[in-house]
PDB file of N, CA and C in Angstrom:
ATOM      1  N   UNK A   1      23.101  -6.546   4.478  1.00  0.00           N
ATOM      2  CA  UNK A   1      22.896  -7.754   3.697  1.00  0.00           C
ATOM      3  C   UNK A   1      24.057  -8.707   3.994  1.00  0.00           C
ATOM      4  N   UNK A   2      23.752  -9.969   4.151  1.00  0.00           N
ATOM      5  CA  UNK A   2      24.780 -10.953   4.478  1.00  0.00           C
ATOM      6  C   UNK A   2      25.710 -11.185   3.295  1.00  0.00           C
ATOM      7  N   UNK A   3      26.863 -11.724   3.595  1.00  0.00           N
ATOM      8  CA  UNK A   3      27.840 -12.028   2.541  1.00  0.00           C
ATOM      9  C   UNK A   3      27.260 -13.030   1.546  1.00  0.00           C
ATOM     10  N   UNK A   4      26.491 -14.000   2.057  1.00  0.00           N
ATOM     11  CA  UNK A   4      25.896 -14.991   1.162  1.00  0.00           C
ATOM     12  C   UNK A   4      24.900 -14.335   0.216  1.00  0.00           C
ATOM     13  N   UNK A   5      24.079 -13.432   0.733  1.00  0.00           N
ATOM     14  CA  UNK A   5      23.100 -12.744  -0.113  1.00  0.00           C
ATOM     15  C   UNK A   5      23.791 -11.876  -1.161  1.00  0.00           C
ATOM     16  N   UNK A   6      24.922 -11.296  -0.807  1.00  0.00           N
ATOM     17  CA  UNK A   6      25.639 -10.451  -1.755  1.00  0.00           C
ATOM     18  C   UNK A   6      26.251 -11.249  -2.895  1.00  0.00           C
ATOM     19  N   UNK A   7      26.383 -12.543  -2.700  1.00  0.00           N
ATOM     20  CA  UNK A   7      26.932 -13.401  -3.761  1.00  0.00           C
ATOM     21  C   UNK A   7      25.969 -13.552  -4.929  1.00  0.00           C
ATOM     22  N   UNK A   8      24.766 -12.981  -4.833  1.00  0.00           N
ATOM     23  CA  UNK A   8      23.829 -13.028  -5.943  1.00  0.00           C
ATOM     24  C   UNK A   8      24.458 -12.402  -7.189  1.00  0.00           C
ATOM     25  N   UNK A   9      25.412 -11.491  -6.964  1.00  0.00           N
ATOM     26  CA  UNK A   9      26.098 -10.832  -8.086  1.00  0.00           C
ATOM     27  C   UNK A   9      26.914 -11.826  -8.912  1.00  0.00           C
ATOM     28  N   UNK A  10      27.195 -12.991  -8.344  1.00  0.00           N
ATOM     29  CA  UNK A  10      27.974 -14.025  -9.026  1.00  0.00           C
ATOM     30  C   UNK A  10      27.078 -15.026  -9.756  1.00  0.00           C
ATOM     31  N   UNK A  11      25.772 -14.813  -9.715  1.00  0.00           N
ATOM     32  CA  UNK A  11      24.835 -15.769 -10.301  1.00  0.00           C
ATOM     33  C   UNK A  11      24.152 -15.191 -11.538  1.00  0.00           C
ATOM     34  N   UNK A  12      23.429 -16.025 -12.280  1.00  0.00           N
ATOM     35  CA  UNK A  12      22.670 -15.520 -13.428  1.00  0.00           C
ATOM     36  C   UNK A  12      21.556 -14.545 -13.030  1.00  0.00           C
ATOM     37  N   UNK A  13      21.229 -14.467 -11.745  1.00  0.00           N
ATOM     38  CA  UNK A  13      20.186 -13.551 -11.278  1.00  0.00           C
ATOM     39  C   UNK A  13      20.699 -12.119 -11.089  1.00  0.00           C
ATOM     40  N   UNK A  14      21.992 -11.888 -11.229  1.00  0.00           N
ATOM     41  CA  UNK A  14      22.590 -10.574 -10.990  1.00  0.00           C
ATOM     42  C   UNK A  14      21.870  -9.440 -11.719  1.00  0.00           C
ATOM     43  N   UNK A  15      21.489  -9.598 -12.988  1.00  0.00           N
ATOM     44  CA  UNK A  15      20.821  -8.487 -13.671  1.00  0.00           C
ATOM     45  C   UNK A  15      19.467  -8.100 -13.061  1.00  0.00           C
ATOM     46  N   UNK A  16      18.907  -8.981 -12.241  1.00  0.00           N
ATOM     47  CA  UNK A  16      17.572  -8.732 -11.696  1.00  0.00           C
ATOM     48  C   UNK A  16      17.598  -8.052 -10.324  1.00  0.00           C
ATOM     49  N   UNK A  17      18.777  -7.814  -9.769  1.00  0.00           N
ATOM     50  CA  UNK A  17      18.827  -7.244  -8.423  1.00  0.00           C
ATOM     51  C   UNK A  17      18.207  -5.854  -8.363  1.00  0.00           C
ATOM     52  N   UNK A  18      18.464  -5.021  -9.360  1.00  0.00           N
ATOM     53  CA  UNK A  18      17.871  -3.675  -9.360  1.00  0.00           C
ATOM     54  C   UNK A  18      16.355  -3.769  -9.503  1.00  0.00           C
ATOM     55  N   UNK A  19      15.901  -4.683 -10.319  1.00  0.00           N
ATOM     56  CA  UNK A  19      14.459  -4.891 -10.488  1.00  0.00           C
ATOM     57  C   UNK A  19      13.820  -5.310  -9.173  1.00  0.00           C
ATOM     58  N   UNK A  20      14.468  -6.221  -8.457  1.00  0.00           N
ATOM     59  CA  UNK A  20      13.940  -6.692  -7.175  1.00  0.00           C
ATOM     60  C   UNK A  20      13.851  -5.556  -6.157  1.00  0.00           C
ATOM     61  N   UNK A  21      14.849  -4.682  -6.144  1.00  0.00           N
ATOM     62  CA  UNK A  21      14.843  -3.565  -5.182  1.00  0.00           C
ATOM     63  C   UNK A  21      13.688  -2.606  -5.450  1.00  0.00           C
ATOM     64  N   UNK A  22      13.212  -2.550  -6.691  1.00  0.00           N
ATOM     65  CA  UNK A  22      12.107  -1.661  -7.032  1.00  0.00           C
ATOM     66  C   UNK A  22      10.730  -2.292  -6.876  1.00  0.00           C
ATOM     67  N   UNK A  23      10.682  -3.563  -6.466  1.00  0.00           N
ATOM     68  CA  UNK A  23       9.400  -4.268  -6.357  1.00  0.00           C
ATOM     69  C   UNK A  23       8.725  -3.994  -5.014  1.00  0.00           C
ATOM     70  N   UNK A  24       7.420  -4.177  -5.011  1.00  0.00           N
ATOM     71  CA  UNK A  24       6.670  -4.047  -3.757  1.00  0.00           C
ATOM     72  C   UNK A  24       6.965  -5.245  -2.863  1.00  0.00           C
ATOM     73  N   UNK A  25       6.672  -5.098  -1.587  1.00  0.00           N
ATOM     74  CA  UNK A  25       6.869  -6.192  -0.627  1.00  0.00           C
ATOM     75  C   UNK A  25       6.062  -7.422  -1.035  1.00  0.00           C
ATOM     76  N   UNK A  26       4.844  -7.212  -1.524  1.00  0.00           N
ATOM     77  CA  UNK A  26       3.988  -8.329  -1.934  1.00  0.00           C
ATOM     78  C   UNK A  26       4.597  -9.064  -3.132  1.00  0.00           C
ATOM     79  N   UNK A  27       5.124  -8.326  -4.101  1.00  0.00           N
ATOM     80  CA  UNK A  27       5.736  -8.963  -5.259  1.00  0.00           C
ATOM     81  C   UNK A  27       6.998  -9.732  -4.865  1.00  0.00           C
ATOM     82  N   UNK A  28       7.768  -9.176  -3.947  1.00  0.00           N
ATOM     83  CA  UNK A  28       8.956  -9.880  -3.466  1.00  0.00           C
ATOM     84  C   UNK A  28       8.547 -11.179  -2.769  1.00  0.00           C
ATOM     85  N   UNK A  29       7.461 -11.138  -2.011  1.00  0.00           N
ATOM     86  CA  UNK A  29       6.963 -12.352  -1.340  1.00  0.00           C
ATOM     87  C   UNK A  29       6.588 -13.418  -2.365  1.00  0.00           C
ATOM     88  N   UNK A  30       5.983 -13.009  -3.467  1.00  0.00           N
ATOM     89  CA  UNK A  30       5.615 -13.954  -4.528  1.00  0.00           C
ATOM     90  C   UNK A  30       6.876 -14.596  -5.111  1.00  0.00           C
ATOM     91  N   UNK A  31       7.889 -13.778  -5.377  1.00  0.00           N
ATOM     92  CA  UNK A  31       9.148 -14.298  -5.922  1.00  0.00           C
ATOM     93  C   UNK A  31       9.793 -15.258  -4.926  1.00  0.00           C
ATOM     94  N   UNK A  32       9.790 -14.909  -3.649  1.00  0.00           N
ATOM     95  CA  UNK A  32      10.381 -15.769  -2.623  1.00  0.00           C
ATOM     96  C   UNK A  32       9.642 -17.108  -2.524  1.00  0.00           C
ATOM     97  N   UNK A  33       8.336 -17.065  -2.615  1.00  0.00           N
ATOM     98  CA  UNK A  33       7.553 -18.295  -2.582  1.00  0.00           C
ATOM     99  C   UNK A  33       7.933 -19.185  -3.763  1.00  0.00           C
ATOM    100  N   UNK A  34       8.048 -18.582  -4.941  1.00  0.00           N
ATOM    101  CA  UNK A  34       8.460 -19.335  -6.123  1.00  0.00           C
ATOM    102  C   UNK A  34       9.831 -19.966  -5.911  1.00  0.00           C
ATOM    103  N   UNK A  35      10.784 -19.193  -5.423  1.00  0.00           N
ATOM    104  CA  UNK A  35      12.133 -19.716  -5.209  1.00  0.00           C
ATOM    105  C   UNK A  35      12.147 -20.847  -4.183  1.00  0.00           C
ATOM    106  N   UNK A  36      11.377 -20.701  -3.113  1.00  0.00           N
ATOM    107  CA  UNK A  36      11.300 -21.771  -2.104  1.00  0.00           C
ATOM    108  C   UNK A  36      10.720 -23.047  -2.695  1.00  0.00           C
ATOM    109  N   UNK A  37       9.709 -22.908  -3.538  1.00  0.00           N
ATOM    110  CA  UNK A  37       9.104 -24.091  -4.157  1.00  0.00           C
ATOM    111  C   UNK A  37      10.067 -24.742  -5.148  1.00  0.00           C
ATOM    112  N   UNK A  38      10.812 -23.944  -5.887  1.00  0.00           N
ATOM    113  CA  UNK A  38      11.803 -24.497  -6.816  1.00  0.00           C
ATOM    114  C   UNK A  38      12.871 -25.253  -6.032  1.00  0.00           C
ATOM    115  N   UNK A  39      13.290 -24.704  -4.902  1.00  0.00           N
ATOM    116  CA  UNK A  39      14.287 -25.388  -4.077  1.00  0.00           C
ATOM    117  C   UNK A  39      13.731 -26.704  -3.531  1.00  0.00           C
ATOM    118  N   UNK A  40      12.486 -26.709  -3.112  1.00  0.00           N
ATOM    119  CA  UNK A  40      11.874 -27.938  -2.593  1.00  0.00           C
ATOM    120  C   UNK A  40      11.786 -28.992  -3.692  1.00  0.00           C
ATOM    121  N   UNK A  41      11.445 -28.567  -4.903  1.00  0.00           N
ATOM    122  CA  UNK A  41      11.372 -29.504  -6.021  1.00  0.00           C
ATOM    123  C   UNK A  41      12.747 -30.073  -6.341  1.00  0.00           C
ATOM    124  N   UNK A  42      13.786 -29.258  -6.211  1.00  0.00           N
ATOM    125  CA  UNK A  42      15.144 -29.722  -6.495  1.00  0.00           C
ATOM    126  C   UNK A  42      15.589 -30.777  -5.478  1.00  0.00           C
ATOM    127  N   UNK A  43      15.044 -30.725  -4.267  1.00  0.00           N
ATOM    128  CA  UNK A  43      15.397 -31.693  -3.227  1.00  0.00           C
ATOM    129  C   UNK A  43      14.659 -33.014  -3.388  1.00  0.00           C
ATOM    130  N   UNK A  44      13.584 -33.013  -4.185  1.00  0.00           N
ATOM    131  CA  UNK A  44      12.783 -34.228  -4.343  1.00  0.00           C
ATOM    132  C   UNK A  44      13.431 -35.149  -5.363  1.00  0.00           C
ATOM    133  N   UNK A  45      13.271 -36.469  -5.191  1.00  0.00           N
ATOM    134  CA  UNK A  45      13.761 -37.391  -6.210  1.00  0.00           C
ATOM    135  C   UNK A  45      13.040 -37.118  -7.529  1.00  0.00           C
ATOM    136  N   UNK A  46      13.758 -37.247  -8.619  1.00  0.00           N
ATOM    137  CA  UNK A  46      13.130 -36.971  -9.916  1.00  0.00           C
ATOM    138  C   UNK A  46      11.990 -37.946 -10.169  1.00  0.00           C
ATOM    139  N   UNK A  47      10.985 -37.461 -10.869  1.00  0.00           N
ATOM    140  CA  UNK A  47       9.830 -38.284 -11.178  1.00  0.00           C
ATOM    141  C   UNK A  47       8.744 -38.251 -10.112  1.00  0.00           C
ATOM    142  N   UNK A  48       9.023 -37.665  -8.972  1.00  0.00           N
ATOM    143  CA  UNK A  48       8.035 -37.577  -7.895  1.00  0.00           C
ATOM    144  C   UNK A  48       7.486 -36.171  -7.846  1.00  0.00           C
ATOM    145  N   UNK A  49       6.181 -36.058  -7.765  1.00  0.00           N
ATOM    146  CA  UNK A  49       5.554 -34.746  -7.656  1.00  0.00           C
ATOM    147  C   UNK A  49       5.282 -34.430  -6.192  1.00  0.00           C
ATOM    148  N   UNK A  50       5.322 -33.161  -5.887  1.00  0.00           N
ATOM    149  CA  UNK A  50       5.004 -32.737  -4.534  1.00  0.00           C
ATOM    150  C   UNK A  50       3.484 -32.700  -4.393  1.00  0.00           C
ATOM    151  N   UNK A  51       2.983 -33.287  -3.322  1.00  0.00           N
ATOM    152  CA  UNK A  51       1.547 -33.315  -3.075  1.00  0.00           C
ATOM    153  C   UNK A  51       1.177 -32.062  -2.286  1.00  0.00           C
ATOM    154  N   UNK A  52       0.227 -31.268  -2.811  1.00  0.00           N
ATOM    155  CA  UNK A  52      -0.183 -30.059  -2.087  1.00  0.00           C
ATOM    156  C   UNK A  52      -0.744 -30.393  -0.702  1.00  0.00           C
ATOM    157  N   UNK A  53      -0.580 -29.478   0.234  1.00  0.00           N
ATOM    158  CA  UNK A  53      -1.010 -29.697   1.620  1.00  0.00           C
ATOM    159  C   UNK A  53      -2.490 -30.018   1.706  1.00  0.00           C
ATOM    160  N   UNK A  54      -3.311 -29.368   0.870  1.00  0.00           N
ATOM    161  CA  UNK A  54      -4.753 -29.633   0.945  1.00  0.00           C
ATOM    162  C   UNK A  54      -5.099 -31.067   0.549  1.00  0.00           C
ATOM    163  N   UNK A  55      -4.245 -31.714  -0.263  1.00  0.00           N
ATOM    164  CA  UNK A  55      -4.470 -33.122  -0.608  1.00  0.00           C
ATOM    165  C   UNK A  55      -3.889 -34.048   0.453  1.00  0.00           C
ATOM    166  N   UNK A  56      -2.752 -33.643   1.034  1.00  0.00           N
ATOM    167  CA  UNK A  56      -2.143 -34.477   2.075  1.00  0.00           C
ATOM    168  C   UNK A  56      -3.086 -34.684   3.244  1.00  0.00           C
ATOM    169  N   UNK A  57      -3.860 -33.654   3.591  1.00  0.00           N
ATOM    170  CA  UNK A  57      -4.755 -33.806   4.740  1.00  0.00           C
ATOM    171  C   UNK A  57      -5.934 -34.736   4.433  1.00  0.00           C
ATOM    172  N   UNK A  58      -6.139 -35.096   3.171  1.00  0.00           N
ATOM    173  CA  UNK A  58      -7.212 -36.008   2.795  1.00  0.00           C
ATOM    174  C   UNK A  58      -6.788 -37.477   2.871  1.00  0.00           C
ATOM    175  N   UNK A  59      -5.478 -37.714   3.033  1.00  0.00           N
ATOM    176  CA  UNK A  59      -4.988 -39.093   3.109  1.00  0.00           C
ATOM    177  C   UNK A  59      -5.673 -39.834   4.245  1.00  0.00           C
ATOM    178  N   UNK A  60      -5.999 -41.075   3.986  1.00  0.00           N
ATOM    179  CA  UNK A  60      -6.610 -41.905   5.000  1.00  0.00           C
ATOM    180  C   UNK A  60      -8.123 -41.779   5.069  1.00  0.00           C
ATOM    181  N   UNK A  61      -8.705 -40.895   4.264  1.00  0.00           N
ATOM    182  CA  UNK A  61     -10.154 -40.714   4.304  1.00  0.00           C
ATOM    183  C   UNK A  61     -10.877 -41.733   3.422  1.00  0.00           C
ATOM    184  N   UNK A  62     -10.130 -42.369   2.515  1.00  0.00           N
ATOM    185  CA  UNK A  62     -10.723 -43.346   1.604  1.00  0.00           C
ATOM    186  C   UNK A  62      -9.987 -44.662   1.783  1.00  0.00           C
ATOM    187  N   UNK A  63     -10.731 -45.743   1.793  1.00  0.00           N
ATOM    188  CA  UNK A  63     -10.121 -47.059   1.937  1.00  0.00           C
ATOM    189  C   UNK A  63     -10.256 -47.804   0.615  1.00  0.00           C
ATOM    190  N   UNK A  64      -9.156 -47.922  -0.114  1.00  0.00           N
ATOM    191  CA  UNK A  64      -9.155 -48.624  -1.395  1.00  0.00           C
ATOM    192  C   UNK A  64      -8.424 -49.940  -1.204  1.00  0.00           C
ATOM    193  N   UNK A  65      -9.096 -51.015  -1.543  1.00  0.00           N
ATOM    194  CA  UNK A  65      -8.519 -52.338  -1.345  1.00  0.00           C
ATOM    195  C   UNK A  65      -7.828 -52.821  -2.619  1.00  0.00           C
ATOM    196  N   UNK A  66      -7.042 -53.887  -2.466  1.00  0.00           N
ATOM    197  CA  UNK A  66      -6.390 -54.519  -3.624  1.00  0.00           C
ATOM    198  C   UNK A  66      -7.450 -55.011  -4.607  1.00  0.00           C
ATOM    199  N   UNK A  67      -8.559 -55.474  -4.076  1.00  0.00           N
ATOM    200  CA  UNK A  67      -9.656 -55.960  -4.922  1.00  0.00           C
ATOM    201  C   UNK A  67     -10.228 -54.822  -5.776  1.00  0.00           C
ATOM    202  N   UNK A  68     -10.387 -53.640  -5.174  1.00  0.00           N
ATOM    203  CA  UNK A  68     -10.870 -52.474  -5.920  1.00  0.00           C
ATOM    204  C   UNK A  68      -9.922 -52.143  -7.070  1.00  0.00           C
ATOM    205  N   UNK A  69      -8.632 -52.205  -6.785  1.00  0.00           N
ATOM    206  CA  UNK A  69      -7.651 -51.889  -7.822  1.00  0.00           C
ATOM    207  C   UNK A  69      -7.626 -52.957  -8.912  1.00  0.00           C
ATOM    208  N   UNK A  70      -7.853 -54.208  -8.542  1.00  0.00           N
ATOM    209  CA  UNK A  70      -7.872 -55.283  -9.535  1.00  0.00           C
ATOM    210  C   UNK A  70      -9.043 -55.110 -10.497  1.00  0.00           C
ATOM    211  N   UNK A  71     -10.131 -54.532 -10.031  1.00  0.00           N
ATOM    212  CA  UNK A  71     -11.316 -54.320 -10.860  1.00  0.00           C
ATOM    213  C   UNK A  71     -11.187 -53.107 -11.770  1.00  0.00           C
ATOM    214  N   UNK A  72     -10.326 -52.150 -11.413  1.00  0.00           N
ATOM    215  CA  UNK A  72     -10.259 -50.888 -12.154  1.00  0.00           C
ATOM    216  C   UNK A  72      -8.800 -50.543 -12.451  1.00  0.00           C
ATOM    217  N   UNK A  73      -8.393 -50.715 -13.714  1.00  0.00           N
ATOM    218  CA  UNK A  73      -6.995 -50.488 -14.070  1.00  0.00           C
ATOM    219  C   UNK A  73      -6.583 -49.018 -13.927  1.00  0.00           C
ATOM    220  N   UNK A  74      -7.532 -48.103 -14.121  1.00  0.00           N
ATOM    221  CA  UNK A  74      -7.226 -46.685 -13.957  1.00  0.00           C
ATOM    222  C   UNK A  74      -6.941 -46.359 -12.491  1.00  0.00           C
ATOM    223  N   UNK A  75      -7.745 -46.907 -11.616  1.00  0.00           N
ATOM    224  CA  UNK A  75      -7.537 -46.724 -10.184  1.00  0.00           C
ATOM    225  C   UNK A  75      -6.198 -47.309  -9.766  1.00  0.00           C
ATOM    226  N   UNK A  76      -5.880 -48.490 -10.285  1.00  0.00           N
ATOM    227  CA  UNK A  76      -4.602 -49.140  -9.963  1.00  0.00           C
ATOM    228  C   UNK A  76      -3.436 -48.260 -10.411  1.00  0.00           C
ATOM    229  N   UNK A  77      -3.547 -47.682 -11.582  1.00  0.00           N
ATOM    230  CA  UNK A  77      -2.483 -46.808 -12.090  1.00  0.00           C
ATOM    231  C   UNK A  77      -2.306 -45.575 -11.190  1.00  0.00           C
ATOM    232  N   UNK A  78      -3.394 -44.975 -10.796  1.00  0.00           N
ATOM    233  CA  UNK A  78      -3.344 -43.799  -9.923  1.00  0.00           C
ATOM    234  C   UNK A  78      -2.729 -44.161  -8.575  1.00  0.00           C
ATOM    235  N   UNK A  79      -3.100 -45.289  -8.031  1.00  0.00           N
ATOM    236  CA  UNK A  79      -2.614 -45.671  -6.702  1.00  0.00           C
ATOM    237  C   UNK A  79      -1.136 -46.066  -6.709  1.00  0.00           C
ATOM    238  N   UNK A  80      -0.607 -46.421  -7.882  1.00  0.00           N
ATOM    239  CA  UNK A  80       0.812 -46.778  -7.982  1.00  0.00           C
ATOM    240  C   UNK A  80       1.712 -45.566  -7.978  1.00  0.00           C
ATOM    241  N   UNK A  81       1.179 -44.367  -8.174  1.00  0.00           N
ATOM    242  CA  UNK A  81       1.985 -43.138  -8.236  1.00  0.00           C
ATOM    243  C   UNK A  81       2.633 -42.844  -6.923  1.00  0.00           C
TER     244      UNK A  81
END
């Protein structure tokens, strides 16, 4: 284990190290995915949500004009996000 990984003993996660060692590989993968997502959220500017990949690939499939937004205040609000 690397020196950086061993520093977990200096963090609030220290009590969970024994629990992690007893987990299945699949459960550890779930925890790692959660931690990676938390880290990604911490890197994002506050107030901005991360767009899931399945939604990102839909970008550009719909053409919404300024006129459409002027007619529908709900649409305008959504598009301002």
